[in-house]
Structure formats: structure tokens, C-alpha cells
Amino acid sequence: MSVPMLRVIFGVLLLVIAVALAGADGVRWMQTGALEFQSLGAVWFKLDRESLNLAQAVVERRLWAPLWDPGVTSILLLPAWVLPGALSLLLFLSASRVKPDTTVFGKIVK
């Protein structure tokens, strides 16, 4: 399997996750009548709170403490569907920019 194909496969997987998370927000909107997006941090906390606490401890103690508070927390406050949606878009764009025929020393390599 080629690298561009793997990018497309992971892009589709991330797009499915993004649509599912946006759909959950839509269902919650229909139930409550208020459009409130669930944050990425809230979803991570619901799935596995120990790993979220571990990630915070590792970033603050081993890397750089200010990286967590303004950096990572601003990403965790985004709606949950934004990060997988953006990553899938980047994977799709990077997969489409690969040229099928490339010249190496004047010879066409396929």
C-alpha cells in the first residue's frame, strides 16, 4: 500500500470521527434547543481522564509548563470535531499533491 493511499485511508477515518462528533452535537442541539459544541477536552475527559491528566503532567513537568496552559488548553477548548476535521483535510491535501511520475536524473520513474 502506498503512502498517499494510507493518507487517504487515515483521512477518511478522521473525517468519519469528525462527522460523528458534529452529529452528536447536532443531536444534542435538537434535544435541548441550544447549540453548544462539546469541547475536545471534554470528550477526552469522558473517554479517558487518566491519560488527559498524564498528558498534562508530562507537558508541564518534562517539556515546558507554559506550553500546556496557553497552548494545549486552547486546542482542548475547540469543538471536538474541529481537530479531526482539520487533520483529515491536511491528509487529503497532502495525498493529492503527490505526483505519479517523477523524473530522477532525467529518467521518468513510476
C-alpha atoms as a PDB file:
ATOM      1  CA  MET A   1       0.000   0.000   0.000  1.00  0.00           C
ATOM      2  CA  SER A   2       1.393   3.365  -0.970  1.00  0.00           C
ATOM      3  CA  VAL A   3       1.854   6.373   1.299  1.00  0.00           C
ATOM      4  CA  PRO A   4      -0.764   8.516  -0.497  1.00  0.00           C
ATOM      5  CA  MET A   5      -3.308   5.702  -0.120  1.00  0.00           C
ATOM      6  CA  LEU A   6      -2.569   5.461   3.614  1.00  0.00           C
ATOM      7  CA  ARG A   7      -3.063   9.215   3.895  1.00  0.00           C
ATOM      8  CA  VAL A   8      -6.443   8.895   2.218  1.00  0.00           C
ATOM      9  CA  ILE A   9      -7.474   5.994   4.459  1.00  0.00           C
ATOM     10  CA  PHE A  10      -6.499   7.839   7.654  1.00  0.00           C
ATOM     11  CA  GLY A  11      -8.105  10.985   6.259  1.00  0.00           C
ATOM     12  CA  VAL A  12     -11.390   9.159   5.724  1.00  0.00           C
ATOM     13  CA  LEU A  13     -11.187   7.670   9.222  1.00  0.00           C
ATOM     14  CA  LEU A  14     -10.611  11.093  10.778  1.00  0.00           C
ATOM     15  CA  LEU A  15     -13.403  12.582   8.666  1.00  0.00           C
ATOM     16  CA  VAL A  16     -15.817   9.902   9.922  1.00  0.00           C
ATOM     17  CA  ILE A  17     -14.814  10.740  13.500  1.00  0.00           C
ATOM     18  CA  ALA A  18     -15.320  14.465  12.854  1.00  0.00           C
ATOM     19  CA  VAL A  19     -18.755  13.894  11.318  1.00  0.00           C
ATOM     20  CA  ALA A  20     -19.758  11.637  14.224  1.00  0.00           C
ATOM     21  CA  LEU A  21     -18.697  14.259  16.768  1.00  0.00           C
ATOM     22  CA  ALA A  22     -20.504  17.018  14.855  1.00  0.00           C
ATOM     23  CA  GLY A  23     -23.546  14.756  14.589  1.00  0.00           C
ATOM     24  CA  ALA A  24     -23.532  14.218  18.347  1.00  0.00           C
ATOM     25  CA  ASP A  25     -23.518  17.996  18.790  1.00  0.00           C
ATOM     26  CA  GLY A  26     -26.411  18.233  16.342  1.00  0.00           C
ATOM     27  CA  VAL A  27     -28.430  15.620  18.209  1.00  0.00           C
ATOM     28  CA  ARG A  28     -27.773  17.423  21.482  1.00  0.00           C
ATOM     29  CA  TRP A  29     -28.916  20.667  19.805  1.00  0.00           C
ATOM     30  CA  MET A  30     -32.188  19.054  18.727  1.00  0.00           C
ATOM     31  CA  GLN A  31     -32.786  17.639  22.206  1.00  0.00           C
ATOM     32  CA  THR A  32     -32.014  20.779  24.194  1.00  0.00           C
ATOM     33  CA  GLY A  33     -32.717  23.516  21.665  1.00  0.00           C
ATOM     34  CA  ALA A  34     -29.376  25.183  22.423  1.00  0.00           C
ATOM     35  CA  LEU A  35     -26.424  24.837  20.067  1.00  0.00           C
ATOM     36  CA  GLU A  36     -23.448  24.091  22.299  1.00  0.00           C
ATOM     37  CA  PHE A  37     -20.411  22.344  20.909  1.00  0.00           C
ATOM     38  CA  GLN A  38     -18.690  19.822  23.129  1.00  0.00           C
ATOM     39  CA  SER A  39     -15.012  20.646  23.522  1.00  0.00           C
ATOM     40  CA  LEU A  40     -12.198  18.297  22.620  1.00  0.00           C
ATOM     41  CA  GLY A  41     -11.032  18.337  26.237  1.00  0.00           C
ATOM     42  CA  ALA A  42     -14.482  17.301  27.484  1.00  0.00           C
ATOM     43  CA  VAL A  43     -14.586  14.377  25.058  1.00  0.00           C
ATOM     44  CA  TRP A  44     -11.068  13.297  26.049  1.00  0.00           C
ATOM     45  CA  PHE A  45     -12.019  13.593  29.736  1.00  0.00           C
ATOM     46  CA  LYS A  46     -15.090  11.392  29.195  1.00  0.00           C
ATOM     47  CA  LEU A  47     -13.121   8.779  27.270  1.00  0.00           C
ATOM     48  CA  ASP A  48     -10.035   8.513  29.496  1.00  0.00           C
ATOM     49  CA  ARG A  49      -9.433  11.090  32.208  1.00  0.00           C
ATOM     50  CA  GLU A  50      -6.234   9.425  33.445  1.00  0.00           C
ATOM     51  CA  SER A  51      -4.486   9.890  30.098  1.00  0.00           C
ATOM     52  CA  LEU A  52      -5.554  13.549  29.998  1.00  0.00           C
ATOM     53  CA  ASN A  53      -4.066  14.091  33.460  1.00  0.00           C
ATOM     54  CA  LEU A  54      -0.929  12.196  32.424  1.00  0.00           C
ATOM     55  CA  ALA A  55      -0.547  14.311  29.276  1.00  0.00           C
ATOM     56  CA  GLN A  56      -0.853  17.473  31.354  1.00  0.00           C
ATOM     57  CA  ALA A  57       1.736  16.254  33.845  1.00  0.00           C
ATOM     58  CA  VAL A  58       4.188  15.236  31.126  1.00  0.00           C
ATOM     59  CA  VAL A  59       3.883  18.530  29.259  1.00  0.00           C
ATOM     60  CA  GLU A  60       4.138  20.678  32.391  1.00  0.00           C
ATOM     61  CA  ARG A  61       6.936  18.773  34.133  1.00  0.00           C
ATOM     62  CA  ARG A  62       9.027  17.317  31.324  1.00  0.00           C
ATOM     63  CA  LEU A  63       8.594  19.717  28.404  1.00  0.00           C
ATOM     64  CA  TRP A  64       7.649  23.294  29.243  1.00  0.00           C
ATOM     65  CA  ALA A  65       4.909  24.379  31.647  1.00  0.00           C
ATOM     66  CA  PRO A  66       3.658  27.395  29.610  1.00  0.00           C
ATOM     67  CA  LEU A  67       3.141  25.051  26.648  1.00  0.00           C
ATOM     68  CA  TRP A  68       0.178  23.446  28.430  1.00  0.00           C
ATOM     69  CA  ASP A  69      -1.723  26.454  29.683  1.00  0.00           C
ATOM     70  CA  PRO A  70      -1.972  28.767  26.713  1.00  0.00           C
ATOM     71  CA  GLY A  71      -1.058  26.195  24.038  1.00  0.00           C
ATOM     72  CA  VAL A  72      -2.660  22.836  24.616  1.00  0.00           C
ATOM     73  CA  THR A  73      -5.626  24.152  26.583  1.00  0.00           C
ATOM     74  CA  SER A  74      -6.610  26.440  23.711  1.00  0.00           C
ATOM     75  CA  ILE A  75      -6.692  23.377  21.434  1.00  0.00           C
ATOM     76  CA  LEU A  76      -8.668  21.399  24.028  1.00  0.00           C
ATOM     77  CA  LEU A  77     -11.273  24.174  24.184  1.00  0.00           C
ATOM     78  CA  LEU A  78     -12.031  23.877  20.452  1.00  0.00           C
ATOM     79  CA  PRO A  79     -15.155  21.983  19.394  1.00  0.00           C
ATOM     80  CA  ALA A  80     -14.337  18.275  19.303  1.00  0.00           C
ATOM     81  CA  TRP A  81     -14.962  17.907  15.568  1.00  0.00           C
ATOM     82  CA  VAL A  82     -12.506  20.647  14.545  1.00  0.00           C
ATOM     83  CA  LEU A  83      -9.224  18.792  15.160  1.00  0.00           C
ATOM     84  CA  PRO A  84     -10.087  15.524  13.361  1.00  0.00           C
ATOM     85  CA  GLY A  85     -11.725  17.518  10.567  1.00  0.00           C
ATOM     86  CA  ALA A  86      -8.667  19.724  10.080  1.00  0.00           C
ATOM     87  CA  LEU A  87      -6.289  16.752  10.207  1.00  0.00           C
ATOM     88  CA  SER A  88      -8.364  14.880   7.629  1.00  0.00           C
ATOM     89  CA  LEU A  89      -8.290  17.929   5.349  1.00  0.00           C
ATOM     90  CA  LEU A  90      -4.493  18.126   5.666  1.00  0.00           C
ATOM     91  CA  LEU A  91      -4.144  14.422   4.902  1.00  0.00           C
ATOM     92  CA  PHE A  92      -6.378  14.724   1.827  1.00  0.00           C
ATOM     93  CA  LEU A  93      -4.439  17.722   0.558  1.00  0.00           C
ATOM     94  CA  SER A  94      -1.068  16.065   1.122  1.00  0.00           C
ATOM     95  CA  ALA A  95      -2.223  12.902  -0.643  1.00  0.00           C
ATOM     96  CA  SER A  96      -3.443  14.815  -3.682  1.00  0.00           C
ATOM     97  CA  ARG A  97      -0.168  16.734  -4.142  1.00  0.00           C
ATOM     98  CA  VAL A  98       1.916  13.616  -4.807  1.00  0.00           C
ATOM     99  CA  LYS A  99       2.967  13.442  -8.459  1.00  0.00           C
ATOM    100  CA  PRO A 100       2.584   9.998 -10.036  1.00  0.00           C
ATOM    101  CA  ASP A 101       5.530  10.429 -12.431  1.00  0.00           C
ATOM    102  CA  THR A 102       8.783  11.898 -11.194  1.00  0.00           C
ATOM    103  CA  THR A 103      11.998  12.480 -13.058  1.00  0.00           C
ATOM    104  CA  VAL A 104      15.232  11.383 -11.426  1.00  0.00           C
ATOM    105  CA  PHE A 105      18.407  12.300 -13.326  1.00  0.00           C
ATOM    106  CA  GLY A 106      16.366  12.839 -16.485  1.00  0.00           C
ATOM    107  CA  LYS A 107      14.645   9.440 -16.369  1.00  0.00           C
ATOM    108  CA  ILE A 108      10.946   9.010 -15.613  1.00  0.00           C
ATOM    109  CA  VAL A 109      10.399   6.878 -12.533  1.00  0.00           C
ATOM    110  CA  LYS A 110       6.938   5.449 -11.902  1.00  0.00           C
END
